[in-house]
Amino acid sequence: MYEITYPQFDPVLVEIGPLVIRWYALAYIAGIIGGWRLALRMVQTPRLWEGYPYPAAAQKRKHAKPQAPILPEHIDDFLVWATLGIILGGRIGFVLFYNLPYYLSNPIEIFYVWQGGMAFHGGLAGMVIAIVLFARSRGINMFSLGDLIATVAPLGYFFGRLANFINGELWGRAADVPWAMVFPRDELGIARHPSQLYQAAIDGALLFTIVLVAVYRFQTLRRPGLTIGIFLTGYGCARFFTENFREPDPQLGYLIGNWLTMGMTLSLPMIVAGIWFIWRANAEPPLGTRAVDKAPAKQG
């Protein structure tokens, strides 16, 4: 009486001979492409970047409008870097944080990414490395690039958690709420929270909305690093909350008592880092209000 039927999904979307496309892979593709298109739109919206110095590369163009310190071609080029950072970081993070003893005994399975096993915190670390290296290679502001990625990141997380629900994995703790579900792959066969949907809604959709409002309504991109701080703090708090409904990974269990999980533990440094980014960004006046920002740009 206190459960609903879990909708049966085939984790394989399309299978044509040796070609197999899974919902999980489609979620990554949707998140990456969606984030890429949104980031392109943001760098092409001048009002979001009021006060930034004229982009050096754009100075050579006739009739170019001063706008973002990052050009559209930078976003296009970064797409490959971002993809590698997410996949490599996510996989390495899962191996190190969630099941290291198993993979030390079965190292070849580290490369079996089609079997699942990606960690968001690892993917985040991989993305940070990609941002720093790419920004240095192109001579652009790494905090501004990070602000763009922080804005679109919750969108990818949203799709990823929906894919987890479709796969019937990473389910929640035992529950007696009316919307509790019995997941087919759960050997205990008990009703559980559909925590994948909670995390998709709160850690993904809600956080995405908050960051977008901050960027478009309050122009947080004028303070480099502020959007990063909002994302890190918001995600860390949201993940810490939603982890209360998620069943901990069986190979790890609870780290302390019956409440602290690995996801909570990894989210705490994010909250601390996010607060630091917010403090750092607000310690300086917004771009466009300082004398150096109002000076005419040098033409190259």
Protein backbone atom coordinates (compact mmCIF):
# COMPACT_ATOMS: atom_id res chain seq x y z
CA MET A 1 0.00 0.00 0.00
CA TYR A 2 2.99 2.28 0.53
CA GLU A 3 4.80 1.69 -2.71
CA ILE A 4 4.40 2.25 -6.42
CA THR A 5 5.57 0.04 -9.22
CA TYR A 6 8.98 0.85 -10.57
CA PRO A 7 8.63 1.51 -14.31
CA GLN A 8 10.62 -1.08 -16.21
CA PHE A 9 13.20 0.57 -18.45
CA ASP A 10 15.56 -1.09 -20.86
CA PRO A 11 18.99 0.43 -20.10
CA VAL A 12 19.82 -0.01 -23.81
CA LEU A 13 18.23 2.68 -25.97
CA VAL A 14 19.36 1.37 -29.37
CA GLU A 15 21.10 -1.84 -30.35
CA ILE A 16 22.07 -2.43 -33.98
CA GLY A 17 24.48 -5.33 -34.29
CA PRO A 18 27.64 -4.43 -32.36
CA LEU A 19 26.43 -0.83 -31.93
CA VAL A 20 24.87 -0.34 -28.50
CA ILE A 21 23.69 3.03 -27.21
CA ARG A 22 22.70 3.11 -23.55
CA TRP A 23 20.63 5.68 -21.72
CA TYR A 24 23.61 6.29 -19.44
CA ALA A 25 25.82 7.28 -22.37
CA LEU A 26 23.03 9.40 -23.82
CA ALA A 27 22.79 11.27 -20.50
CA TYR A 28 26.47 12.21 -20.68
CA ILE A 29 26.08 13.31 -24.30
CA ALA A 30 23.00 15.40 -23.48
CA GLY A 31 24.73 17.05 -20.52
CA ILE A 32 27.90 17.88 -22.43
CA ILE A 33 26.16 19.18 -25.55
CA GLY A 34 23.55 21.08 -23.53
CA GLY A 35 26.26 22.69 -21.42
CA TRP A 36 28.29 23.57 -24.51
CA ARG A 37 25.36 25.30 -26.20
CA LEU A 38 24.40 27.24 -23.07
CA ALA A 39 28.00 28.34 -22.48
CA LEU A 40 28.17 29.58 -26.09
CA ARG A 41 25.01 31.59 -25.58
CA MET A 42 26.38 33.12 -22.39
CA VAL A 43 29.63 34.34 -23.97
CA GLN A 44 27.55 35.90 -26.75
CA THR A 45 25.39 37.87 -24.29
CA PRO A 46 27.26 41.15 -23.66
CA ARG A 47 25.14 42.34 -20.72
CA LEU A 48 26.39 39.41 -18.62
CA TRP A 49 29.97 40.64 -18.92
CA GLU A 50 29.66 44.41 -18.47
CA GLY A 51 32.93 45.87 -17.31
CA TYR A 52 35.28 43.22 -18.65
CA PRO A 53 38.32 44.45 -20.58
CA TYR A 54 38.03 44.19 -24.35
CA PRO A 55 39.09 40.64 -25.40
CA ALA A 56 42.56 40.79 -26.89
CA ALA A 57 41.71 38.35 -29.67
CA ALA A 58 38.59 40.33 -30.58
CA GLN A 59 40.44 43.65 -30.80
CA LYS A 60 41.75 42.67 -34.21
CA ARG A 61 38.24 42.18 -35.60
CA LYS A 62 36.35 44.99 -37.28
CA HIS A 63 33.13 46.07 -35.55
CA ALA A 64 33.60 43.51 -32.77
CA LYS A 65 31.63 44.27 -29.62
CA PRO A 66 33.39 44.19 -26.25
CA GLN A 67 31.85 41.29 -24.37
CA ALA A 68 33.11 38.17 -22.63
CA PRO A 69 36.83 37.64 -21.98
CA ILE A 70 36.25 34.21 -23.50
CA LEU A 71 35.46 33.87 -27.19
CA PRO A 72 33.04 31.36 -28.75
CA GLU A 73 35.93 29.46 -30.31
CA HIS A 74 37.37 28.96 -26.83
CA ILE A 75 34.14 27.21 -25.81
CA ASP A 76 34.24 25.05 -28.93
CA ASP A 77 37.85 24.05 -28.28
CA PHE A 78 37.20 23.37 -24.61
CA LEU A 79 34.48 20.81 -25.42
CA VAL A 80 37.04 18.04 -25.95
CA TRP A 81 38.95 18.99 -22.80
CA ALA A 82 35.74 18.99 -20.79
CA THR A 83 34.70 15.57 -22.09
CA LEU A 84 38.06 14.04 -21.17
CA GLY A 85 38.04 15.71 -17.76
CA ILE A 86 34.56 14.41 -16.93
CA ILE A 87 35.10 10.84 -18.11
CA LEU A 88 38.65 10.33 -16.84
CA GLY A 89 38.07 12.20 -13.59
CA GLY A 90 34.73 10.50 -12.96
CA ARG A 91 36.14 7.04 -13.49
CA ILE A 92 39.35 7.60 -11.53
CA GLY A 93 37.35 9.19 -8.72
CA PHE A 94 35.05 6.17 -8.51
CA VAL A 95 38.02 3.79 -8.41
CA LEU A 96 39.84 5.77 -5.70
CA PHE A 97 36.93 6.84 -3.50
CA TYR A 98 34.43 4.02 -3.78
CA ASN A 99 36.04 0.67 -4.62
CA LEU A 100 39.84 0.84 -4.60
CA PRO A 101 40.51 -2.64 -3.08
CA TYR A 102 38.40 -4.32 -5.77
CA TYR A 103 40.13 -2.53 -8.65
CA LEU A 104 43.56 -3.18 -7.20
CA SER A 105 42.68 -6.87 -7.45
CA ASN A 106 41.06 -6.45 -10.89
CA PRO A 107 42.95 -3.59 -12.57
CA ILE A 108 41.76 -4.40 -16.09
CA GLU A 109 38.19 -3.61 -15.03
CA ILE A 110 39.15 -0.01 -14.41
CA PHE A 111 38.66 0.42 -18.15
CA TYR A 112 35.21 -1.23 -18.22
CA VAL A 113 33.38 2.10 -18.15
CA TRP A 114 30.36 0.58 -19.92
CA GLN A 115 29.62 -1.33 -16.73
CA GLY A 116 29.02 1.94 -14.88
CA GLY A 117 30.91 3.40 -11.97
CA MET A 118 31.48 7.17 -12.21
CA ALA A 119 31.92 9.59 -9.31
CA PHE A 120 30.66 13.16 -9.60
CA HIS A 121 33.36 14.48 -7.27
CA GLY A 122 36.01 12.79 -9.42
CA GLY A 123 34.50 14.28 -12.55
CA LEU A 124 34.56 17.68 -10.86
CA ALA A 125 38.26 17.29 -10.06
CA GLY A 126 38.92 16.27 -13.66
CA MET A 127 37.03 19.33 -14.88
CA VAL A 128 39.02 21.64 -12.59
CA ILE A 129 42.27 20.30 -14.02
CA ALA A 130 40.93 20.73 -17.57
CA ILE A 131 39.88 24.33 -16.85
CA VAL A 132 43.26 25.30 -15.38
CA LEU A 133 45.29 23.71 -18.18
CA PHE A 134 43.08 25.04 -20.97
CA ALA A 135 42.93 28.58 -19.55
CA ARG A 136 46.71 28.70 -19.27
CA SER A 137 47.18 27.36 -22.78
CA ARG A 138 44.86 30.03 -24.22
CA GLY A 139 45.82 32.90 -21.93
CA ILE A 140 42.29 33.44 -20.61
CA ASN A 141 40.94 34.03 -17.12
CA MET A 142 40.51 30.63 -15.47
CA PHE A 143 37.98 31.98 -12.98
CA SER A 144 35.77 33.31 -15.77
CA LEU A 145 35.96 29.99 -17.60
CA GLY A 146 35.20 28.23 -14.34
CA ASP A 147 32.16 30.45 -13.83
CA LEU A 148 30.77 29.32 -17.18
CA ILE A 149 31.32 25.65 -16.40
CA ALA A 150 29.83 26.06 -12.91
CA THR A 151 26.68 27.48 -14.49
CA VAL A 152 26.10 24.52 -16.80
CA ALA A 153 27.40 21.71 -14.55
CA PRO A 154 24.10 21.05 -12.71
CA LEU A 155 22.45 20.39 -16.08
CA GLY A 156 24.76 17.44 -16.73
CA TYR A 157 24.24 16.17 -13.19
CA PHE A 158 20.46 16.27 -13.74
CA PHE A 159 20.69 14.03 -16.80
CA GLY A 160 23.12 11.69 -15.06
CA ARG A 161 20.81 11.04 -12.11
CA LEU A 162 17.89 10.42 -14.46
CA ALA A 163 20.04 7.79 -16.18
CA ASN A 164 20.77 6.19 -12.79
CA PHE A 165 17.02 5.92 -12.21
CA ILE A 166 16.47 4.37 -15.63
CA ASN A 167 19.22 1.85 -14.89
CA GLY A 168 17.60 1.04 -11.53
CA GLU A 169 20.85 1.71 -9.65
CA LEU A 170 22.03 3.92 -6.78
CA TRP A 171 18.64 3.62 -5.12
CA GLY A 172 17.59 5.09 -1.80
CA ARG A 173 17.20 3.83 1.74
CA ALA A 174 14.23 1.82 2.98
CA ALA A 175 11.10 3.96 3.10
CA ASP A 176 7.37 3.79 3.80
CA VAL A 177 6.38 6.91 1.86
CA PRO A 178 3.60 6.50 -0.74
CA TRP A 179 6.04 6.93 -3.61
CA ALA A 180 8.55 4.32 -2.38
CA MET A 181 9.66 1.81 -5.01
CA VAL A 182 11.03 -1.73 -5.17
CA PHE A 183 13.95 -1.76 -7.57
CA PRO A 184 14.31 -4.99 -9.59
CA ARG A 185 18.08 -5.24 -8.97
CA ASP A 186 17.68 -4.90 -5.21
CA GLU A 187 18.20 -8.39 -3.74
CA LEU A 188 16.38 -7.43 -0.54
CA GLY A 189 13.28 -6.48 -2.50
CA ILE A 190 12.18 -3.75 -0.11
CA ALA A 191 10.48 -0.42 -0.84
CA ARG A 192 12.99 2.42 -1.07
CA HIS A 193 13.25 6.14 -1.69
CA PRO A 194 13.75 6.93 -5.40
CA SER A 195 16.73 9.02 -4.31
CA GLN A 196 18.02 9.31 -7.88
CA LEU A 197 14.99 11.50 -8.62
CA TYR A 198 15.51 13.51 -5.44
CA GLN A 199 19.08 14.25 -6.45
CA ALA A 200 18.13 15.01 -10.05
CA ALA A 201 15.53 17.50 -8.81
CA ILE A 202 17.48 19.15 -5.95
CA ASP A 203 21.18 18.74 -6.76
CA GLY A 204 20.45 19.16 -10.47
CA ALA A 205 17.36 21.09 -11.56
CA LEU A 206 16.97 23.31 -8.48
CA LEU A 207 20.67 24.19 -8.30
CA PHE A 208 20.72 24.85 -12.06
CA THR A 209 17.85 27.31 -11.64
CA ILE A 210 19.54 29.08 -8.72
CA VAL A 211 22.82 29.51 -10.59
CA LEU A 212 21.07 30.73 -13.75
CA VAL A 213 19.14 33.32 -11.75
CA ALA A 214 22.38 34.47 -10.13
CA VAL A 215 24.07 34.84 -13.52
CA TYR A 216 21.24 36.44 -15.49
CA ARG A 217 19.49 38.44 -12.76
CA PHE A 218 22.39 39.45 -10.52
CA GLN A 219 25.20 39.37 -13.12
CA THR A 220 27.55 37.34 -10.96
CA LEU A 221 29.92 36.92 -13.92
CA ARG A 222 31.11 40.47 -13.22
CA ARG A 223 32.81 39.06 -10.12
CA PRO A 224 35.13 36.28 -11.39
CA GLY A 225 34.83 33.19 -9.21
CA LEU A 226 31.53 34.14 -7.57
CA THR A 227 29.47 31.76 -9.71
CA ILE A 228 31.95 28.99 -8.93
CA GLY A 229 31.42 29.67 -5.23
CA ILE A 230 27.64 29.60 -5.54
CA PHE A 231 27.77 26.30 -7.38
CA LEU A 232 30.24 24.62 -5.02
CA THR A 233 28.41 25.74 -1.89
CA GLY A 234 24.99 24.96 -3.33
CA TYR A 235 25.93 21.53 -4.60
CA GLY A 236 27.79 20.60 -1.42
CA CYS A 237 24.80 21.50 0.77
CA ALA A 238 22.27 19.89 -1.58
CA ARG A 239 24.27 16.67 -1.88
CA PHE A 240 24.79 16.50 1.88
CA PHE A 241 21.01 16.74 2.31
CA THR A 242 19.95 14.27 -0.39
CA GLU A 243 22.52 11.71 0.78
CA ASN A 244 20.24 11.21 3.79
CA PHE A 245 17.82 9.41 1.47
CA ARG A 246 20.35 7.41 -0.55
CA GLU A 247 21.54 3.94 0.36
CA PRO A 248 25.31 4.05 0.87
CA ASP A 249 27.44 1.99 -1.47
CA PRO A 250 27.53 -1.59 -0.14
CA GLN A 251 31.32 -1.87 -0.30
CA LEU A 252 31.66 1.23 1.91
CA GLY A 253 28.55 1.48 4.05
CA TYR A 254 28.39 4.32 6.56
CA LEU A 255 31.67 5.94 7.53
CA ILE A 256 30.41 7.11 10.93
CA GLY A 257 27.38 5.76 12.76
CA ASN A 258 24.32 5.34 10.59
CA TRP A 259 24.40 8.64 8.78
CA LEU A 260 27.76 9.80 7.36
CA THR A 261 28.40 8.54 3.83
CA MET A 262 31.26 8.99 1.39
CA GLY A 263 29.13 11.39 -0.65
CA MET A 264 28.65 13.59 2.42
CA THR A 265 32.34 13.48 3.26
CA LEU A 266 33.39 14.53 -0.24
CA SER A 267 30.82 17.34 -0.23
CA LEU A 268 32.22 19.05 2.88
CA PRO A 269 35.40 20.32 1.15
CA MET A 270 33.19 21.65 -1.66
CA ILE A 271 31.22 23.75 0.82
CA VAL A 272 34.41 25.14 2.35
CA ALA A 273 35.90 25.88 -1.08
CA GLY A 274 32.65 27.47 -2.23
CA ILE A 275 32.56 29.83 0.75
CA TRP A 276 36.17 30.83 0.02
CA PHE A 277 35.36 31.58 -3.63
CA ILE A 278 32.38 33.71 -2.61
CA TRP A 279 34.49 35.63 -0.07
CA ARG A 280 37.30 36.11 -2.58
CA ALA A 281 34.96 37.35 -5.34
CA ASN A 282 33.21 39.83 -3.04
CA ALA A 283 36.48 41.17 -1.65
CA GLU A 284 36.96 43.08 -4.92
CA PRO A 285 34.54 45.56 -6.52
CA PRO A 286 32.67 44.22 -9.54
CA LEU A 287 34.28 44.70 -12.92
CA GLY A 288 33.22 47.90 -14.61
CA THR A 289 33.25 49.96 -11.40
CA ARG A 290 37.02 50.34 -11.09
CA ALA A 291 39.03 53.04 -12.84
CA VAL A 292 41.13 50.48 -14.72
CA ASP A 293 37.97 48.92 -16.16
CA LYS A 294 36.68 52.27 -17.41
CA ALA A 295 39.89 53.11 -19.26
CA PRO A 296 39.69 52.62 -23.04
CA ALA A 297 41.18 49.36 -24.24
CA LYS A 298 44.40 49.43 -26.19
CA GLN A 299 43.99 48.55 -29.82
CA GLY A 300 46.28 45.81 -31.10
